[in-house]
Amino acid sequence: MPWSTRQLAELVGVTLRSIRHWHDVGLLPEPERLTNGYKQYTAQHLVLALRIARLSGLGFTLEQVAEALASEEQGRGSLRALRAELDARIAELLRVRSEVDELIDLGVSPDLSPAALLAVDALGDDPASRNIAIVLAHLVASDHMPAFARILGDAPAHVAHTDAELRRLPPDATEDEIDSLVARTVTAVEEFLASSADTVPFITRVDEHTSTEVLSDLVTAHLNPAQRRVVSLVMRHLSDDHG
């Protein structure tokens, strides 16, 4: 007996939208219509629709479904390609699951990647440091991040001291105070970079200039005008010295 579109969809176990889409892309031929305009599907339509549903359920794209329906050999080729794609997806899912398990064990926020957690450990867990850690984890190559975080965490006392001075600098600081802090900070950072020259990994995801701009904007976002001026001048000096 012939079936309507809705009846065919129910028999196949798909939605009306799927049947109509298969018509639109040419997978399922349009059936004859009655004088009242209603479609009438036959057993051949049912068999073809079941084949399409089976292939789609395996994960084939509609283009691959068309190839498989056209030729058994092409279908076997598509099946091998699908197997390789599934292997890649499974590997990615296993990687994500491993990260999720690690985050559950650590009891930390899921928005922090393992690389960002390393940076947080080195920089601190205050909101500003967390933001910097998230960006650093994106900019630094993942295999370099453990060494990079260790270097940040091992920064000498005079670097931490100039950072503390910067945080205490009032918005109405004089030019002499600003210049003095800039000089001390540049000296401290250059000594730190020189001592870590063989171990500091390069930031590789984007070019160095863009990375510097991004980090500078992030670091200065919550600073007062005098503090921002210090950071800007320090970055300029370091860029000129190492350009």
Protein backbone atom coordinates (compact mmCIF):
# COMPACT_ATOMS: atom_id res chain seq x y z
CA MET A 1 0.00 0.00 0.00
CA PRO A 2 1.25 3.55 -0.63
CA TRP A 3 2.22 5.81 2.24
CA SER A 4 2.10 9.53 2.88
CA THR A 5 5.26 11.50 3.73
CA ARG A 6 4.41 11.40 7.41
CA GLN A 7 3.78 7.65 7.32
CA LEU A 8 7.06 7.05 5.50
CA ALA A 9 8.95 9.13 8.06
CA GLU A 10 7.37 7.15 10.91
CA LEU A 11 8.21 3.82 9.24
CA VAL A 12 11.83 4.83 8.70
CA GLY A 13 12.15 6.45 12.12
CA VAL A 14 13.17 9.90 10.92
CA THR A 15 11.58 13.33 10.84
CA LEU A 16 9.49 14.82 8.09
CA ARG A 17 12.24 17.37 7.67
CA SER A 18 14.74 14.59 6.90
CA ILE A 19 12.54 13.13 4.17
CA ARG A 20 12.07 16.56 2.61
CA HIS A 21 15.78 17.29 2.81
CA TRP A 22 16.62 14.01 1.10
CA HIS A 23 14.29 15.08 -1.69
CA ASP A 24 15.96 18.49 -1.90
CA VAL A 25 19.48 17.05 -2.26
CA GLY A 26 18.41 14.35 -4.71
CA LEU A 27 18.91 11.29 -2.53
CA LEU A 28 15.27 10.26 -2.47
CA PRO A 29 13.26 10.64 -5.70
CA GLU A 30 9.94 12.44 -5.49
CA PRO A 31 7.01 9.99 -5.63
CA GLU A 32 3.93 10.33 -7.74
CA ARG A 33 1.13 12.50 -6.40
CA LEU A 34 -2.55 11.88 -6.21
CA THR A 35 -4.97 14.27 -7.85
CA ASN A 36 -5.27 16.06 -4.51
CA GLY A 37 -1.50 16.72 -4.54
CA TYR A 38 -0.55 14.30 -1.76
CA LYS A 39 2.61 12.24 -2.27
CA GLN A 40 2.30 8.47 -2.41
CA TYR A 41 5.41 6.50 -1.45
CA THR A 42 5.95 2.88 -2.47
CA ALA A 43 7.94 -0.02 -1.01
CA GLN A 44 10.90 1.02 -3.21
CA HIS A 45 10.89 4.45 -1.56
CA LEU A 46 10.81 2.77 1.85
CA VAL A 47 13.80 0.55 1.07
CA LEU A 48 15.82 3.49 -0.28
CA ALA A 49 14.89 5.68 2.69
CA LEU A 50 15.96 2.92 5.09
CA ARG A 51 19.33 2.66 3.30
CA ILE A 52 19.81 6.42 3.52
CA ALA A 53 18.89 6.41 7.20
CA ARG A 54 21.30 3.53 7.86
CA LEU A 55 24.22 5.30 6.17
CA SER A 56 23.42 8.63 7.82
CA GLY A 57 23.21 6.88 11.19
CA LEU A 58 26.75 5.55 10.72
CA GLY A 59 27.97 9.10 10.33
CA PHE A 60 28.25 9.43 6.57
CA THR A 61 27.76 12.87 5.11
CA LEU A 62 24.95 13.13 2.55
CA GLU A 63 27.59 13.34 -0.19
CA GLN A 64 29.11 10.07 1.06
CA VAL A 65 25.63 8.56 1.28
CA ALA A 66 25.09 9.37 -2.40
CA GLU A 67 28.43 7.75 -3.29
CA ALA A 68 27.63 4.63 -1.28
CA LEU A 69 24.21 4.31 -2.91
CA ALA A 70 25.75 4.72 -6.36
CA SER A 71 28.48 2.10 -5.98
CA GLU A 72 29.37 -0.58 -3.44
CA GLU A 73 33.07 0.04 -4.11
CA GLN A 74 32.67 3.75 -3.44
CA GLY A 75 30.71 2.83 -0.34
CA ARG A 76 33.59 0.71 0.95
CA GLY A 77 36.01 3.56 0.25
CA SER A 78 33.77 5.98 2.12
CA LEU A 79 33.56 3.50 4.98
CA ARG A 80 37.35 3.42 5.30
CA ALA A 81 37.47 7.21 5.23
CA LEU A 82 34.75 7.33 7.89
CA ARG A 83 36.75 4.91 10.06
CA ALA A 84 39.78 7.20 9.91
CA GLU A 85 37.62 10.20 10.78
CA LEU A 86 36.08 8.33 13.72
CA ASP A 87 39.55 7.37 14.97
CA ALA A 88 40.53 11.05 14.95
CA ARG A 89 37.33 12.08 16.73
CA ILE A 90 37.76 9.35 19.35
CA ALA A 91 41.34 10.46 19.98
CA GLU A 92 40.15 14.04 20.45
CA LEU A 93 37.35 12.93 22.79
CA LEU A 94 39.83 10.91 24.85
CA ARG A 95 42.07 13.98 25.09
CA VAL A 96 39.14 16.12 26.24
CA ARG A 97 38.03 13.46 28.73
CA SER A 98 41.55 13.34 30.16
CA GLU A 99 41.47 17.13 30.64
CA VAL A 100 38.03 16.94 32.25
CA ASP A 101 39.21 14.20 34.63
CA GLU A 102 42.22 16.33 35.57
CA LEU A 103 40.02 19.36 36.25
CA ILE A 104 37.64 17.25 38.36
CA ASP A 105 40.55 15.89 40.40
CA LEU A 106 41.95 19.38 40.92
CA GLY A 107 38.53 20.85 41.75
CA VAL A 108 39.12 23.92 39.59
CA SER A 109 37.06 25.98 37.17
CA PRO A 110 36.55 24.25 33.79
CA ASP A 111 37.39 27.43 31.85
CA LEU A 112 41.05 26.98 32.82
CA SER A 113 43.01 24.62 30.60
CA PRO A 114 45.87 22.57 32.11
CA ALA A 115 48.28 25.06 30.53
CA ALA A 116 46.41 27.99 32.07
CA LEU A 117 46.52 26.27 35.46
CA LEU A 118 50.30 26.12 35.21
CA ALA A 119 50.38 29.85 34.55
CA VAL A 120 47.97 30.54 37.43
CA ASP A 121 50.24 28.61 39.78
CA ALA A 122 53.13 30.83 38.69
CA LEU A 123 51.32 34.18 38.54
CA GLY A 124 48.68 33.93 41.26
CA ASP A 125 44.94 33.32 41.45
CA ASP A 126 43.70 36.92 41.57
CA PRO A 127 41.34 37.92 38.70
CA ALA A 128 43.98 39.91 36.78
CA SER A 129 46.53 37.09 37.02
CA ARG A 130 43.95 34.53 35.93
CA ASN A 131 43.16 36.61 32.84
CA ILE A 132 46.84 36.83 31.96
CA ALA A 133 47.23 33.08 32.54
CA ILE A 134 44.35 32.29 30.17
CA VAL A 135 45.88 34.40 27.40
CA LEU A 136 49.40 33.07 28.00
CA ALA A 137 48.10 29.51 27.75
CA HIS A 138 46.71 30.38 24.33
CA LEU A 139 49.79 32.24 23.08
CA VAL A 140 52.50 29.87 24.28
CA ALA A 141 52.89 26.53 22.52
CA SER A 142 51.42 23.85 24.78
CA ASP A 143 54.61 21.77 24.94
CA HIS A 144 56.54 24.89 26.04
CA MET A 145 54.10 25.94 28.73
CA PRO A 146 55.51 23.84 31.64
CA ALA A 147 58.99 25.35 31.18
CA PHE A 148 57.52 28.81 30.66
CA ALA A 149 55.47 28.55 33.85
CA ARG A 150 58.49 27.35 35.82
CA ILE A 151 60.46 30.37 34.64
CA LEU A 152 57.66 32.72 35.64
CA GLY A 153 57.43 31.10 39.05
CA ASP A 154 61.19 31.30 39.55
CA ALA A 155 61.42 35.02 38.78
CA PRO A 156 64.00 36.58 41.14
CA ALA A 157 63.07 38.72 44.10
CA HIS A 158 64.02 42.01 42.45
CA VAL A 159 61.51 41.37 39.65
CA ALA A 160 58.78 40.72 42.22
CA HIS A 161 59.90 43.83 44.10
CA THR A 162 59.50 46.13 41.08
CA ASP A 163 56.11 44.55 40.38
CA ALA A 164 55.05 45.35 43.94
CA GLU A 165 56.31 48.91 43.48
CA LEU A 166 54.23 49.23 40.32
CA ARG A 167 51.09 48.08 42.14
CA ARG A 168 51.65 50.72 44.83
CA LEU A 169 52.33 53.58 42.40
CA PRO A 170 49.64 56.27 42.82
CA PRO A 171 47.84 57.81 39.83
CA ASP A 172 49.42 61.22 40.57
CA ALA A 173 53.01 59.93 40.61
CA THR A 174 55.60 62.43 39.36
CA GLU A 175 57.63 61.97 36.20
CA ASP A 176 60.73 61.42 38.33
CA GLU A 177 58.97 58.61 40.23
CA ILE A 178 57.78 57.07 36.98
CA ASP A 179 61.19 57.29 35.29
CA SER A 180 62.92 55.86 38.35
CA LEU A 181 60.57 52.86 38.48
CA VAL A 182 60.88 52.33 34.73
CA ALA A 183 64.68 52.20 35.02
CA ARG A 184 64.59 49.71 37.90
CA THR A 185 62.01 47.55 36.18
CA VAL A 186 63.89 47.45 32.85
CA THR A 187 67.09 46.48 34.67
CA ALA A 188 65.33 43.75 36.66
CA VAL A 189 63.55 42.31 33.61
CA GLU A 190 66.67 42.39 31.41
CA GLU A 191 68.69 40.59 34.08
CA PHE A 192 65.92 38.03 34.38
CA LEU A 193 65.73 37.53 30.60
CA ALA A 194 69.50 37.25 30.35
CA SER A 195 69.62 34.56 33.04
CA SER A 196 66.81 32.65 31.30
CA ALA A 197 67.98 33.21 27.72
CA ASP A 198 68.54 29.51 27.04
CA THR A 199 65.26 28.33 28.50
CA VAL A 200 62.63 30.98 27.71
CA PRO A 201 60.44 29.51 24.92
CA PHE A 202 59.19 31.74 22.17
CA ILE A 203 55.52 32.64 21.96
CA THR A 204 54.55 30.92 18.75
CA ARG A 205 50.81 30.99 18.10
CA VAL A 206 50.83 34.56 16.79
CA ASP A 207 53.67 36.91 15.85
CA GLU A 208 55.77 38.44 18.62
CA HIS A 209 54.52 42.00 18.05
CA THR A 210 50.87 40.96 18.34
CA SER A 211 51.61 38.83 21.41
CA THR A 212 53.32 41.77 23.09
CA GLU A 213 50.42 44.09 22.30
CA VAL A 214 47.84 41.64 23.61
CA LEU A 215 49.69 41.04 26.86
CA SER A 216 50.39 44.76 27.31
CA ASP A 217 46.70 45.61 26.90
CA LEU A 218 45.74 42.88 29.35
CA VAL A 219 48.32 43.83 31.96
CA THR A 220 47.37 47.52 31.86
CA ALA A 221 43.59 47.06 31.76
CA HIS A 222 43.11 47.67 35.49
CA LEU A 223 46.05 49.99 36.13
CA ASN A 224 45.88 53.68 36.90
CA PRO A 225 47.35 56.18 34.39
CA ALA A 226 50.76 56.38 36.08
CA GLN A 227 51.06 52.59 36.24
CA ARG A 228 50.05 52.26 32.58
CA ARG A 229 52.72 54.80 31.65
CA VAL A 230 55.36 52.77 33.48
CA VAL A 231 54.34 49.57 31.68
CA SER A 232 54.29 51.35 28.32
CA LEU A 233 57.76 52.81 28.82
CA VAL A 234 59.17 49.51 30.06
CA MET A 235 57.78 47.69 27.03
CA ARG A 236 59.20 50.36 24.73
CA HIS A 237 62.67 50.11 26.30
CA LEU A 238 62.67 46.33 26.13
CA SER A 239 61.44 46.37 22.52
CA ASP A 240 64.18 48.84 21.51
CA ASP A 241 66.87 46.87 23.32
CA HIS A 242 65.85 43.53 21.81
CA GLY A 243 64.52 44.70 18.45
